[in-house]
Amino acid sequence: MKYTALLSSRPFRWCGDHLRGLALASLIANIGIIVTGAAVRLTASGLGCPTWPRCTDESYTTTPEMGINGAIEFGNRLLTFVLIAIAVACFLGALARRRRSLIRLSVAVALGIPGQGVIGGITVLTNLNPWVVGLHFILSIVLVAGAYALWRRVDAGDGEPILLVPAPIRHLAWINMAVSFAVIVAGVVVTGSGPHSGDHGAKRNGLDPDRLSQVHADLVFLLVGLTVALWFALRAVGAPAEAVRAAAVLFWVEMAQGVIGFVQYFTHLPVLLVGLHMLGSGLVWTATLAVLWSLRTRPPVPEPASPLPQPTPATTPAPVP
């Protein structure tokens, strides 16, 4: 009784009523922290706060003496608390909706955020080791996937999924997603070999950036080819308009990201273009997920049928004495 009353309280009801908006805020915030993390690295502010979890040995906050680099790094750390607040609100909303699928997804996203903070701390304590920095970014990509799944499941049911396209098309979409993830991983490794290390004294991974950039570009060509094949295949089998549109959006997002990538490479990695490319990676990943989610739907769980009323036995009137 107390549990039911708690779920009916005003904060829970508000979160439940606005869960879709909260899930979208979580998705945007997790993409946004990719961009702010890029700003930390591109402004050489990675060690603006030289230790962790405190900003300095004496204080959890930055000081004016630490300058703009300290402010940028400390500001990025503060965004973690924004993510936590949104994640908690999503969890309360999922509880209010009383749907296990939403509760599991909200918990997964919420647990990933402290993990991201810990990896960020290890990044600082290891003086911006490029492999740890890369792991920090990969976890952000995973959190984007979790936040996107939560956003899509709010309006979907919990019934068995209804597949909207033939199995070969679904397999092609999964391969497309795997290659998209591989492109992101390759980009992370390229970044670890390049000049934007987050601090002037930070080490690089020691790999050849030109060769890595070629591998990254080859994977991009493969991804674009798969996306075009998926787009035409969806049109050929008469897939729902949402799926065809999602594939088209993915293609054009990839085109924009590819243009930024090539221009930044041939202009020797200007800071602004690298930041846009980081944003683009989050958008390509989100568009990839959108295609996959458009290939099936989930209906609501049907209500259990109520038992038919049993006929009342006829009663024989008592004999009149």
C-alpha atoms as a PDB file:
ATOM      1  CA  MET A   1       0.000   0.000   0.000  1.00  0.00           C
ATOM      2  CA  LYS A   2       2.792   2.419   0.914  1.00  0.00           C
ATOM      3  CA  TYR A   3       4.652   1.507  -2.303  1.00  0.00           C
ATOM      4  CA  THR A   4       1.555   2.209  -4.396  1.00  0.00           C
ATOM      5  CA  ALA A   5       1.017   5.528  -2.639  1.00  0.00           C
ATOM      6  CA  LEU A   6       4.659   6.479  -3.264  1.00  0.00           C
ATOM      7  CA  LEU A   7       4.373   5.772  -6.985  1.00  0.00           C
ATOM      8  CA  SER A   8       1.249   7.917  -7.060  1.00  0.00           C
ATOM      9  CA  SER A   9       2.986  10.890  -5.442  1.00  0.00           C
ATOM     10  CA  ARG A  10       3.497  14.074  -7.435  1.00  0.00           C
ATOM     11  CA  PRO A  11       7.262  13.656  -8.262  1.00  0.00           C
ATOM     12  CA  PHE A  12       6.730  10.110  -9.530  1.00  0.00           C
ATOM     13  CA  ARG A  13       3.651  11.113 -11.522  1.00  0.00           C
ATOM     14  CA  TRP A  14       5.467  14.050 -13.097  1.00  0.00           C
ATOM     15  CA  CYS A  15       8.434  11.887 -14.109  1.00  0.00           C
ATOM     16  CA  GLY A  16       6.103   9.224 -15.451  1.00  0.00           C
ATOM     17  CA  ASP A  17       4.096  11.724 -17.490  1.00  0.00           C
ATOM     18  CA  HIS A  18       7.268  13.278 -18.941  1.00  0.00           C
ATOM     19  CA  LEU A  19       9.350  10.107 -19.295  1.00  0.00           C
ATOM     20  CA  ARG A  20       9.674  10.362 -23.067  1.00  0.00           C
ATOM     21  CA  GLY A  21      10.978  13.923 -22.794  1.00  0.00           C
ATOM     22  CA  LEU A  22      13.342  12.911 -19.987  1.00  0.00           C
ATOM     23  CA  ALA A  23      14.669  10.009 -22.060  1.00  0.00           C
ATOM     24  CA  LEU A  24      15.251  12.376 -24.986  1.00  0.00           C
ATOM     25  CA  ALA A  25      17.067  14.754 -22.623  1.00  0.00           C
ATOM     26  CA  SER A  26      19.251  11.849 -21.527  1.00  0.00           C
ATOM     27  CA  LEU A  27      20.070  11.025 -25.140  1.00  0.00           C
ATOM     28  CA  ILE A  28      20.941  14.644 -25.968  1.00  0.00           C
ATOM     29  CA  ALA A  29      23.007  15.041 -22.793  1.00  0.00           C
ATOM     30  CA  ASN A  30      25.016  11.889 -23.476  1.00  0.00           C
ATOM     31  CA  ILE A  31      25.791  13.114 -26.989  1.00  0.00           C
ATOM     32  CA  GLY A  32      26.527  16.553 -25.579  1.00  0.00           C
ATOM     33  CA  ILE A  33      29.097  15.274 -23.120  1.00  0.00           C
ATOM     34  CA  ILE A  34      30.969  13.771 -26.081  1.00  0.00           C
ATOM     35  CA  VAL A  35      31.261  17.295 -27.464  1.00  0.00           C
ATOM     36  CA  THR A  36      32.297  18.835 -24.132  1.00  0.00           C
ATOM     37  CA  GLY A  37      34.838  16.051 -23.650  1.00  0.00           C
ATOM     38  CA  ALA A  38      36.210  16.915 -27.077  1.00  0.00           C
ATOM     39  CA  ALA A  39      36.422  20.562 -26.004  1.00  0.00           C
ATOM     40  CA  VAL A  40      38.493  19.514 -22.987  1.00  0.00           C
ATOM     41  CA  ARG A  41      40.909  17.627 -25.215  1.00  0.00           C
ATOM     42  CA  LEU A  42      41.057  20.176 -28.026  1.00  0.00           C
ATOM     43  CA  THR A  43      41.815  23.089 -25.653  1.00  0.00           C
ATOM     44  CA  ALA A  44      44.574  21.122 -23.881  1.00  0.00           C
ATOM     45  CA  SER A  45      42.492  21.216 -20.689  1.00  0.00           C
ATOM     46  CA  GLY A  46      42.679  17.504 -19.919  1.00  0.00           C
ATOM     47  CA  LEU A  47      44.801  18.157 -16.836  1.00  0.00           C
ATOM     48  CA  GLY A  48      43.152  21.478 -16.001  1.00  0.00           C
ATOM     49  CA  CYS A  49      42.159  19.701 -12.808  1.00  0.00           C
ATOM     50  CA  PRO A  50      45.379  17.759 -12.154  1.00  0.00           C
ATOM     51  CA  THR A  51      43.879  15.107  -9.891  1.00  0.00           C
ATOM     52  CA  TRP A  52      40.675  13.193  -9.219  1.00  0.00           C
ATOM     53  CA  PRO A  53      38.104  13.064  -7.610  1.00  0.00           C
ATOM     54  CA  ARG A  54      39.192  16.497  -6.367  1.00  0.00           C
ATOM     55  CA  CYS A  55      40.149  19.209  -8.812  1.00  0.00           C
ATOM     56  CA  THR A  56      43.287  19.922  -6.765  1.00  0.00           C
ATOM     57  CA  ASP A  57      44.801  18.267  -3.723  1.00  0.00           C
ATOM     58  CA  GLU A  58      43.152  20.898  -1.533  1.00  0.00           C
ATOM     59  CA  SER A  59      39.789  21.495  -3.221  1.00  0.00           C
ATOM     60  CA  TYR A  60      37.044  19.826  -5.223  1.00  0.00           C
ATOM     61  CA  THR A  61      36.551  23.022  -7.241  1.00  0.00           C
ATOM     62  CA  THR A  62      38.739  24.988  -9.593  1.00  0.00           C
ATOM     63  CA  THR A  63      40.370  28.284  -8.656  1.00  0.00           C
ATOM     64  CA  PRO A  64      40.928  31.488 -10.670  1.00  0.00           C
ATOM     65  CA  GLU A  65      44.658  30.801 -10.640  1.00  0.00           C
ATOM     66  CA  MET A  66      44.070  27.655 -12.712  1.00  0.00           C
ATOM     67  CA  GLY A  67      42.821  29.749 -15.632  1.00  0.00           C
ATOM     68  CA  ILE A  68      40.569  28.779 -18.488  1.00  0.00           C
ATOM     69  CA  ASN A  69      41.879  25.191 -18.687  1.00  0.00           C
ATOM     70  CA  GLY A  70      40.855  24.499 -15.113  1.00  0.00           C
ATOM     71  CA  ALA A  71      37.424  26.008 -15.740  1.00  0.00           C
ATOM     72  CA  ILE A  72      36.861  23.897 -18.857  1.00  0.00           C
ATOM     73  CA  GLU A  73      37.866  20.645 -17.187  1.00  0.00           C
ATOM     74  CA  PHE A  74      35.886  21.400 -14.027  1.00  0.00           C
ATOM     75  CA  GLY A  75      32.841  22.391 -16.095  1.00  0.00           C
ATOM     76  CA  ASN A  76      32.981  19.075 -17.932  1.00  0.00           C
ATOM     77  CA  ARG A  77      33.054  17.263 -14.591  1.00  0.00           C
ATOM     78  CA  LEU A  78      29.993  19.183 -13.415  1.00  0.00           C
ATOM     79  CA  LEU A  79      28.033  17.940 -16.436  1.00  0.00           C
ATOM     80  CA  THR A  80      28.259  14.451 -14.955  1.00  0.00           C
ATOM     81  CA  PHE A  81      25.885  15.582 -12.213  1.00  0.00           C
ATOM     82  CA  VAL A  82      23.443  16.814 -14.849  1.00  0.00           C
ATOM     83  CA  LEU A  83      23.517  13.357 -16.436  1.00  0.00           C
ATOM     84  CA  ILE A  84      22.958  11.742 -13.050  1.00  0.00           C
ATOM     85  CA  ALA A  85      19.985  14.009 -12.300  1.00  0.00           C
ATOM     86  CA  ILE A  86      18.370  13.167 -15.644  1.00  0.00           C
ATOM     87  CA  ALA A  87      19.068   9.454 -15.153  1.00  0.00           C
ATOM     88  CA  VAL A  88      17.447   9.495 -11.696  1.00  0.00           C
ATOM     89  CA  ALA A  89      14.391  11.275 -13.116  1.00  0.00           C
ATOM     90  CA  CYS A  90      14.159   8.623 -15.863  1.00  0.00           C
ATOM     91  CA  PHE A  91      14.325   5.877 -13.250  1.00  0.00           C
ATOM     92  CA  LEU A  92      11.531   7.487 -11.213  1.00  0.00           C
ATOM     93  CA  GLY A  93       9.458   7.825 -14.370  1.00  0.00           C
ATOM     94  CA  ALA A  94      10.035   4.168 -15.265  1.00  0.00           C
ATOM     95  CA  LEU A  95       8.928   3.159 -11.765  1.00  0.00           C
ATOM     96  CA  ALA A  96       5.819   5.288 -12.112  1.00  0.00           C
ATOM     97  CA  ARG A  97       5.028   3.572 -15.426  1.00  0.00           C
ATOM     98  CA  ARG A  98       5.509   0.181 -13.680  1.00  0.00           C
ATOM     99  CA  ARG A  99       7.162  -1.366 -16.740  1.00  0.00           C
ATOM    100  CA  ARG A 100      10.114  -3.667 -16.179  1.00  0.00           C
ATOM    101  CA  SER A 101      11.596  -2.983 -19.621  1.00  0.00           C
ATOM    102  CA  LEU A 102      11.826   0.731 -18.885  1.00  0.00           C
ATOM    103  CA  ILE A 103      13.137   0.159 -15.372  1.00  0.00           C
ATOM    104  CA  ARG A 104      15.940  -2.095 -16.649  1.00  0.00           C
ATOM    105  CA  LEU A 105      16.977   0.381 -19.334  1.00  0.00           C
ATOM    106  CA  SER A 106      16.906   3.353 -16.963  1.00  0.00           C
ATOM    107  CA  VAL A 107      19.014   1.458 -14.416  1.00  0.00           C
ATOM    108  CA  ALA A 108      21.550   0.467 -17.087  1.00  0.00           C
ATOM    109  CA  VAL A 109      21.983   4.082 -18.197  1.00  0.00           C
ATOM    110  CA  ALA A 110      22.162   5.322 -14.614  1.00  0.00           C
ATOM    111  CA  LEU A 111      24.847   2.789 -13.659  1.00  0.00           C
ATOM    112  CA  GLY A 112      26.935   3.671 -16.703  1.00  0.00           C
ATOM    113  CA  ILE A 113      27.301   7.313 -15.684  1.00  0.00           C
ATOM    114  CA  PRO A 114      29.312   6.701 -12.475  1.00  0.00           C
ATOM    115  CA  GLY A 115      31.391   4.209 -14.460  1.00  0.00           C
ATOM    116  CA  GLN A 116      32.115   6.946 -16.941  1.00  0.00           C
ATOM    117  CA  GLY A 117      33.185   9.230 -14.076  1.00  0.00           C
ATOM    118  CA  VAL A 118      35.555   6.588 -12.742  1.00  0.00           C
ATOM    119  CA  ILE A 119      37.139   6.060 -16.170  1.00  0.00           C
ATOM    120  CA  GLY A 120      37.456   9.822 -16.472  1.00  0.00           C
ATOM    121  CA  GLY A 121      39.283   9.857 -13.154  1.00  0.00           C
ATOM    122  CA  ILE A 122      41.618   7.099 -14.290  1.00  0.00           C
ATOM    123  CA  THR A 123      42.261   9.168 -17.409  1.00  0.00           C
ATOM    124  CA  VAL A 124      43.477  12.069 -15.286  1.00  0.00           C
ATOM    125  CA  LEU A 125      45.477   9.866 -12.898  1.00  0.00           C
ATOM    126  CA  THR A 126      47.247   8.198 -15.853  1.00  0.00           C
ATOM    127  CA  ASN A 127      48.121  11.587 -17.388  1.00  0.00           C
ATOM    128  CA  LEU A 128      45.671  11.177 -20.275  1.00  0.00           C
ATOM    129  CA  ASN A 129      46.721   7.732 -21.424  1.00  0.00           C
ATOM    130  CA  PRO A 130      45.265   7.603 -24.959  1.00  0.00           C
ATOM    131  CA  TRP A 131      43.858   4.096 -24.512  1.00  0.00           C
ATOM    132  CA  VAL A 132      41.988   5.107 -21.350  1.00  0.00           C
ATOM    133  CA  VAL A 133      40.759   8.264 -23.092  1.00  0.00           C
ATOM    134  CA  GLY A 134      39.467   6.054 -25.904  1.00  0.00           C
ATOM    135  CA  LEU A 135      37.679   3.763 -23.456  1.00  0.00           C
ATOM    136  CA  HIS A 136      36.043   6.859 -21.951  1.00  0.00           C
ATOM    137  CA  PHE A 137      34.648   7.738 -25.374  1.00  0.00           C
ATOM    138  CA  ILE A 138      33.482   4.191 -26.136  1.00  0.00           C
ATOM    139  CA  LEU A 139      31.496   4.089 -22.893  1.00  0.00           C
ATOM    140  CA  SER A 140      29.809   7.327 -23.968  1.00  0.00           C
ATOM    141  CA  ILE A 141      28.780   5.601 -27.203  1.00  0.00           C
ATOM    142  CA  VAL A 142      27.323   2.698 -25.205  1.00  0.00           C
ATOM    143  CA  LEU A 143      25.391   5.134 -23.009  1.00  0.00           C
ATOM    144  CA  VAL A 144      24.011   6.844 -26.113  1.00  0.00           C
ATOM    145  CA  ALA A 145      22.696   3.445 -27.247  1.00  0.00           C
ATOM    146  CA  GLY A 146      21.080   2.844 -23.855  1.00  0.00           C
ATOM    147  CA  ALA A 147      19.481   6.285 -23.762  1.00  0.00           C
ATOM    148  CA  TYR A 148      18.192   5.859 -27.312  1.00  0.00           C
ATOM    149  CA  ALA A 149      16.686   2.469 -26.457  1.00  0.00           C
ATOM    150  CA  LEU A 150      14.941   3.964 -23.430  1.00  0.00           C
ATOM    151  CA  TRP A 151      13.550   6.806 -25.550  1.00  0.00           C
ATOM    152  CA  ARG A 152      12.162   4.414 -28.153  1.00  0.00           C
ATOM    153  CA  ARG A 153      10.704   1.943 -25.653  1.00  0.00           C
ATOM    154  CA  VAL A 154       8.629   4.575 -23.833  1.00  0.00           C
ATOM    155  CA  ASP A 155       6.020   4.647 -26.614  1.00  0.00           C
ATOM    156  CA  ALA A 156       6.447   0.995 -27.615  1.00  0.00           C
ATOM    157  CA  GLY A 157       4.655  -1.891 -25.968  1.00  0.00           C
ATOM    158  CA  ASP A 158       6.126  -4.852 -24.151  1.00  0.00           C
ATOM    159  CA  GLY A 159       4.624  -7.532 -26.340  1.00  0.00           C
ATOM    160  CA  GLU A 160       6.582  -9.867 -28.579  1.00  0.00           C
ATOM    161  CA  PRO A 161       8.341  -7.912 -31.350  1.00  0.00           C
ATOM    162  CA  ILE A 162       6.692  -7.889 -34.772  1.00  0.00           C
ATOM    163  CA  LEU A 163       9.323  -8.064 -37.523  1.00  0.00           C
ATOM    164  CA  LEU A 164       8.605  -5.688 -40.408  1.00  0.00           C
ATOM    165  CA  VAL A 165      11.210  -6.821 -42.957  1.00  0.00           C
ATOM    166  CA  PRO A 166      12.656 -10.182 -44.061  1.00  0.00           C
ATOM    167  CA  ALA A 167      15.517 -11.738 -42.099  1.00  0.00           C
ATOM    168  CA  PRO A 168      18.273 -10.933 -44.661  1.00  0.00           C
ATOM    169  CA  ILE A 169      17.438  -7.222 -44.377  1.00  0.00           C
ATOM    170  CA  ARG A 170      17.665  -7.394 -40.600  1.00  0.00           C
ATOM    171  CA  HIS A 171      21.009  -9.174 -40.848  1.00  0.00           C
ATOM    172  CA  LEU A 172      22.272  -6.451 -43.167  1.00  0.00           C
ATOM    173  CA  ALA A 173      21.170  -3.811 -40.645  1.00  0.00           C
ATOM    174  CA  TRP A 174      23.058  -5.579 -37.844  1.00  0.00           C
ATOM    175  CA  ILE A 175      26.183  -5.783 -40.011  1.00  0.00           C
ATOM    176  CA  ASN A 176      25.755  -2.088 -40.768  1.00  0.00           C
ATOM    177  CA  MET A 177      25.633  -1.335 -37.040  1.00  0.00           C
ATOM    178  CA  ALA A 178      28.723  -3.456 -36.371  1.00  0.00           C
ATOM    179  CA  VAL A 179      30.684  -1.610 -39.058  1.00  0.00           C
ATOM    180  CA  SER A 180      29.449   1.727 -37.690  1.00  0.00           C
ATOM    181  CA  PHE A 181      30.833   0.773 -34.286  1.00  0.00           C
ATOM    182  CA  ALA A 182      34.098  -0.345 -35.905  1.00  0.00           C
ATOM    183  CA  VAL A 183      34.381   3.054 -37.613  1.00  0.00           C
ATOM    184  CA  ILE A 184      34.013   4.739 -34.227  1.00  0.00           C
ATOM    185  CA  VAL A 185      36.647   2.495 -32.626  1.00  0.00           C
ATOM    186  CA  ALA A 186      39.045   3.128 -35.500  1.00  0.00           C
ATOM    187  CA  GLY A 187      38.453   6.853 -35.111  1.00  0.00           C
ATOM    188  CA  VAL A 188      39.285   6.591 -31.419  1.00  0.00           C
ATOM    189  CA  VAL A 189      42.594   4.881 -32.221  1.00  0.00           C
ATOM    190  CA  VAL A 190      43.383   7.518 -34.869  1.00  0.00           C
ATOM    191  CA  THR A 191      42.708  10.226 -32.297  1.00  0.00           C
ATOM    192  CA  GLY A 192      45.096   8.546 -29.875  1.00  0.00           C
ATOM    193  CA  SER A 193      47.878   8.881 -32.433  1.00  0.00           C
ATOM    194  CA  GLY A 194      47.163  12.478 -33.411  1.00  0.00           C
ATOM    195  CA  PRO A 195      48.211  15.866 -32.069  1.00  0.00           C
ATOM    196  CA  HIS A 196      45.192  16.710 -29.884  1.00  0.00           C
ATOM    197  CA  SER A 197      46.167  14.855 -26.732  1.00  0.00           C
ATOM    198  CA  GLY A 198      44.401  17.004 -24.134  1.00  0.00           C
ATOM    199  CA  ASP A 199      47.664  18.290 -22.697  1.00  0.00           C
ATOM    200  CA  HIS A 200      50.959  19.330 -24.237  1.00  0.00           C
ATOM    201  CA  GLY A 201      52.856  16.708 -22.253  1.00  0.00           C
ATOM    202  CA  ALA A 202      50.470  13.774 -22.737  1.00  0.00           C
ATOM    203  CA  LYS A 203      51.745  10.685 -24.514  1.00  0.00           C
ATOM    204  CA  ARG A 204      50.365   9.331 -27.787  1.00  0.00           C
ATOM    205  CA  ASN A 205      49.761   5.664 -28.588  1.00  0.00           C
ATOM    206  CA  GLY A 206      52.819   5.546 -30.879  1.00  0.00           C
ATOM    207  CA  LEU A 207      50.959   4.240 -33.956  1.00  0.00           C
ATOM    208  CA  ASP A 208      51.268   5.694 -37.440  1.00  0.00           C
ATOM    209  CA  PRO A 209      48.434   8.249 -37.815  1.00  0.00           C
ATOM    210  CA  ASP A 210      48.512   8.166 -41.637  1.00  0.00           C
ATOM    211  CA  ARG A 211      48.068   4.391 -41.821  1.00  0.00           C
ATOM    212  CA  LEU A 212      45.385   4.464 -39.145  1.00  0.00           C
ATOM    213  CA  SER A 213      43.571   7.236 -40.990  1.00  0.00           C
ATOM    214  CA  GLN A 214      43.575   5.068 -44.129  1.00  0.00           C
ATOM    215  CA  VAL A 215      42.083   2.133 -42.200  1.00  0.00           C
ATOM    216  CA  HIS A 216      39.476   4.479 -40.744  1.00  0.00           C
ATOM    217  CA  ALA A 217      38.637   5.819 -44.209  1.00  0.00           C
ATOM    218  CA  ASP A 218      38.353   2.297 -45.655  1.00  0.00           C
ATOM    219  CA  LEU A 219      35.855   1.377 -42.938  1.00  0.00           C
ATOM    220  CA  VAL A 220      33.899   4.553 -43.694  1.00  0.00           C
ATOM    221  CA  PHE A 221      33.684   3.576 -47.381  1.00  0.00           C
ATOM    222  CA  LEU A 222      32.446   0.140 -46.329  1.00  0.00           C
ATOM    223  CA  LEU A 223      29.858   1.693 -44.012  1.00  0.00           C
ATOM    224  CA  VAL A 224      28.542   4.020 -46.713  1.00  0.00           C
ATOM    225  CA  GLY A 225      28.311   1.129 -49.168  1.00  0.00           C
ATOM    226  CA  LEU A 226      26.377  -0.983 -46.674  1.00  0.00           C
ATOM    227  CA  THR A 227      24.060   1.906 -45.903  1.00  0.00           C
ATOM    228  CA  VAL A 228      23.277   2.449 -49.605  1.00  0.00           C
ATOM    229  CA  ALA A 229      22.642  -1.294 -50.006  1.00  0.00           C
ATOM    230  CA  LEU A 230      20.357  -1.264 -46.980  1.00  0.00           C
ATOM    231  CA  TRP A 231      18.499   1.795 -48.250  1.00  0.00           C
ATOM    232  CA  PHE A 232      17.805   0.213 -51.656  1.00  0.00           C
ATOM    233  CA  ALA A 233      16.952  -3.152 -50.107  1.00  0.00           C
ATOM    234  CA  LEU A 234      14.363  -1.559 -47.831  1.00  0.00           C
ATOM    235  CA  ARG A 235      12.775   0.167 -50.820  1.00  0.00           C
ATOM    236  CA  ALA A 236      12.824  -3.072 -52.829  1.00  0.00           C
ATOM    237  CA  VAL A 237      10.955  -5.122 -50.215  1.00  0.00           C
ATOM    238  CA  GLY A 238       8.375  -2.423 -49.531  1.00  0.00           C
ATOM    239  CA  ALA A 239       9.556  -1.753 -45.989  1.00  0.00           C
ATOM    240  CA  PRO A 240       7.636   0.748 -43.857  1.00  0.00           C
ATOM    241  CA  ALA A 241       8.232   4.401 -44.699  1.00  0.00           C
ATOM    242  CA  GLU A 242       9.894   4.984 -41.324  1.00  0.00           C
ATOM    243  CA  ALA A 243      12.577   2.394 -42.092  1.00  0.00           C
ATOM    244  CA  VAL A 244      13.287   3.785 -45.585  1.00  0.00           C
ATOM    245  CA  ARG A 245      13.442   7.306 -44.188  1.00  0.00           C
ATOM    246  CA  ALA A 246      15.779   6.234 -41.375  1.00  0.00           C
ATOM    247  CA  ALA A 247      18.189   4.670 -43.880  1.00  0.00           C
ATOM    248  CA  ALA A 248      18.113   7.835 -45.993  1.00  0.00           C
ATOM    249  CA  VAL A 249      18.846  10.008 -42.949  1.00  0.00           C
ATOM    250  CA  LEU A 250      21.729   7.734 -41.997  1.00  0.00           C
ATOM    251  CA  PHE A 251      23.233   8.038 -45.479  1.00  0.00           C
ATOM    252  CA  TRP A 252      23.142  11.841 -45.500  1.00  0.00           C
ATOM    253  CA  VAL A 253      24.506  12.066 -41.952  1.00  0.00           C
ATOM    254  CA  GLU A 254      27.370   9.814 -43.044  1.00  0.00           C
ATOM    255  CA  MET A 255      27.978  12.047 -46.052  1.00  0.00           C
ATOM    256  CA  ALA A 256      28.198  15.149 -43.882  1.00  0.00           C
ATOM    257  CA  GLN A 257      30.468  13.377 -41.421  1.00  0.00           C
ATOM    258  CA  GLY A 258      32.677  12.131 -44.243  1.00  0.00           C
ATOM    259  CA  VAL A 259      33.080  15.614 -45.696  1.00  0.00           C
ATOM    260  CA  ILE A 260      34.085  16.967 -42.286  1.00  0.00           C
ATOM    261  CA  GLY A 261      36.507  14.086 -41.815  1.00  0.00           C
ATOM    262  CA  PHE A 262      38.275  14.576 -45.141  1.00  0.00           C
ATOM    263  CA  VAL A 263      38.451  18.353 -44.793  1.00  0.00           C
ATOM    264  CA  GLN A 264      39.874  18.137 -41.271  1.00  0.00           C
ATOM    265  CA  TYR A 265      42.503  15.633 -42.421  1.00  0.00           C
ATOM    266  CA  PHE A 266      43.714  17.726 -45.360  1.00  0.00           C
ATOM    267  CA  THR A 267      43.655  20.951 -43.321  1.00  0.00           C
ATOM    268  CA  HIS A 268      45.778  19.407 -40.554  1.00  0.00           C
ATOM    269  CA  LEU A 269      43.059  18.898 -37.932  1.00  0.00           C
ATOM    270  CA  PRO A 270      41.791  22.378 -37.023  1.00  0.00           C
ATOM    271  CA  VAL A 271      40.143  22.397 -33.607  1.00  0.00           C
ATOM    272  CA  LEU A 272      36.672  23.456 -34.769  1.00  0.00           C
ATOM    273  CA  LEU A 273      36.390  20.751 -37.417  1.00  0.00           C
ATOM    274  CA  VAL A 274      37.645  18.064 -35.031  1.00  0.00           C
ATOM    275  CA  GLY A 275      34.961  19.110 -32.538  1.00  0.00           C
ATOM    276  CA  LEU A 276      32.288  18.915 -35.257  1.00  0.00           C
ATOM    277  CA  HIS A 277      33.596  15.495 -36.248  1.00  0.00           C
ATOM    278  CA  MET A 278      33.196  14.305 -32.646  1.00  0.00           C
ATOM    279  CA  LEU A 279      29.607  15.534 -32.654  1.00  0.00           C
ATOM    280  CA  GLY A 280      29.105  13.815 -35.987  1.00  0.00           C
ATOM    281  CA  SER A 281      30.244  10.484 -34.571  1.00  0.00           C
ATOM    282  CA  GLY A 282      27.462  10.634 -32.002  1.00  0.00           C
ATOM    283  CA  LEU A 283      24.916  11.568 -34.678  1.00  0.00           C
ATOM    284  CA  VAL A 284      26.024   8.784 -37.050  1.00  0.00           C
ATOM    285  CA  TRP A 285      25.738   6.269 -34.222  1.00  0.00           C
ATOM    286  CA  THR A 286      22.263   7.526 -33.295  1.00  0.00           C
ATOM    287  CA  ALA A 287      21.114   7.402 -36.914  1.00  0.00           C
ATOM    288  CA  THR A 288      22.464   3.841 -37.153  1.00  0.00           C
ATOM    289  CA  LEU A 289      20.411   2.843 -34.126  1.00  0.00           C
ATOM    290  CA  ALA A 290      17.337   4.497 -35.633  1.00  0.00           C
ATOM    291  CA  VAL A 291      17.545   2.231 -38.686  1.00  0.00           C
ATOM    292  CA  LEU A 292      17.766  -0.888 -36.552  1.00  0.00           C
ATOM    293  CA  TRP A 293      14.828   0.129 -34.371  1.00  0.00           C
ATOM    294  CA  SER A 294      12.664   0.900 -37.392  1.00  0.00           C
ATOM    295  CA  LEU A 295      12.734  -2.720 -38.561  1.00  0.00           C
ATOM    296  CA  ARG A 296      10.399  -4.027 -35.887  1.00  0.00           C
ATOM    297  CA  THR A 297       7.653  -2.885 -33.584  1.00  0.00           C
ATOM    298  CA  ARG A 298       6.329  -3.994 -30.228  1.00  0.00           C
ATOM    299  CA  PRO A 299       2.595  -4.019 -29.535  1.00  0.00           C
ATOM    300  CA  PRO A 300       1.206  -3.555 -26.039  1.00  0.00           C
ATOM    301  CA  VAL A 301       0.860  -6.660 -23.929  1.00  0.00           C
ATOM    302  CA  PRO A 302      -2.758  -7.768 -24.294  1.00  0.00           C
ATOM    303  CA  GLU A 303      -4.815  -7.623 -21.164  1.00  0.00           C
ATOM    304  CA  PRO A 304      -5.625 -11.069 -19.756  1.00  0.00           C
ATOM    305  CA  ALA A 305      -9.083 -12.131 -20.808  1.00  0.00           C
ATOM    306  CA  SER A 306     -11.567 -12.073 -17.990  1.00  0.00           C
ATOM    307  CA  PRO A 307     -13.227 -15.437 -17.322  1.00  0.00           C
ATOM    308  CA  LEU A 308     -16.708 -15.806 -18.689  1.00  0.00           C
ATOM    309  CA  PRO A 309     -19.398 -15.537 -16.033  1.00  0.00           C
ATOM    310  CA  GLN A 310     -20.662 -18.936 -14.974  1.00  0.00           C
ATOM    311  CA  PRO A 311     -24.391 -19.468 -15.356  1.00  0.00           C
ATOM    312  CA  THR A 312     -26.180 -19.634 -12.056  1.00  0.00           C
ATOM    313  CA  PRO A 313     -27.834 -22.993 -11.480  1.00  0.00           C
ATOM    314  CA  ALA A 314     -31.600 -22.956 -11.746  1.00  0.00           C
ATOM    315  CA  THR A 315     -33.301 -23.383  -8.431  1.00  0.00           C
ATOM    316  CA  THR A 316     -36.365 -25.554  -8.060  1.00  0.00           C
ATOM    317  CA  PRO A 317     -39.040 -23.785  -6.046  1.00  0.00           C
ATOM    318  CA  ALA A 318     -39.909 -25.502  -2.812  1.00  0.00           C
ATOM    319  CA  PRO A 319     -43.198 -27.368  -2.861  1.00  0.00           C
ATOM    320  CA  VAL A 320     -46.165 -25.577  -1.308  1.00  0.00           C
ATOM    321  CA  PRO A 321     -47.369 -27.501   1.704  1.00  0.00           C
END
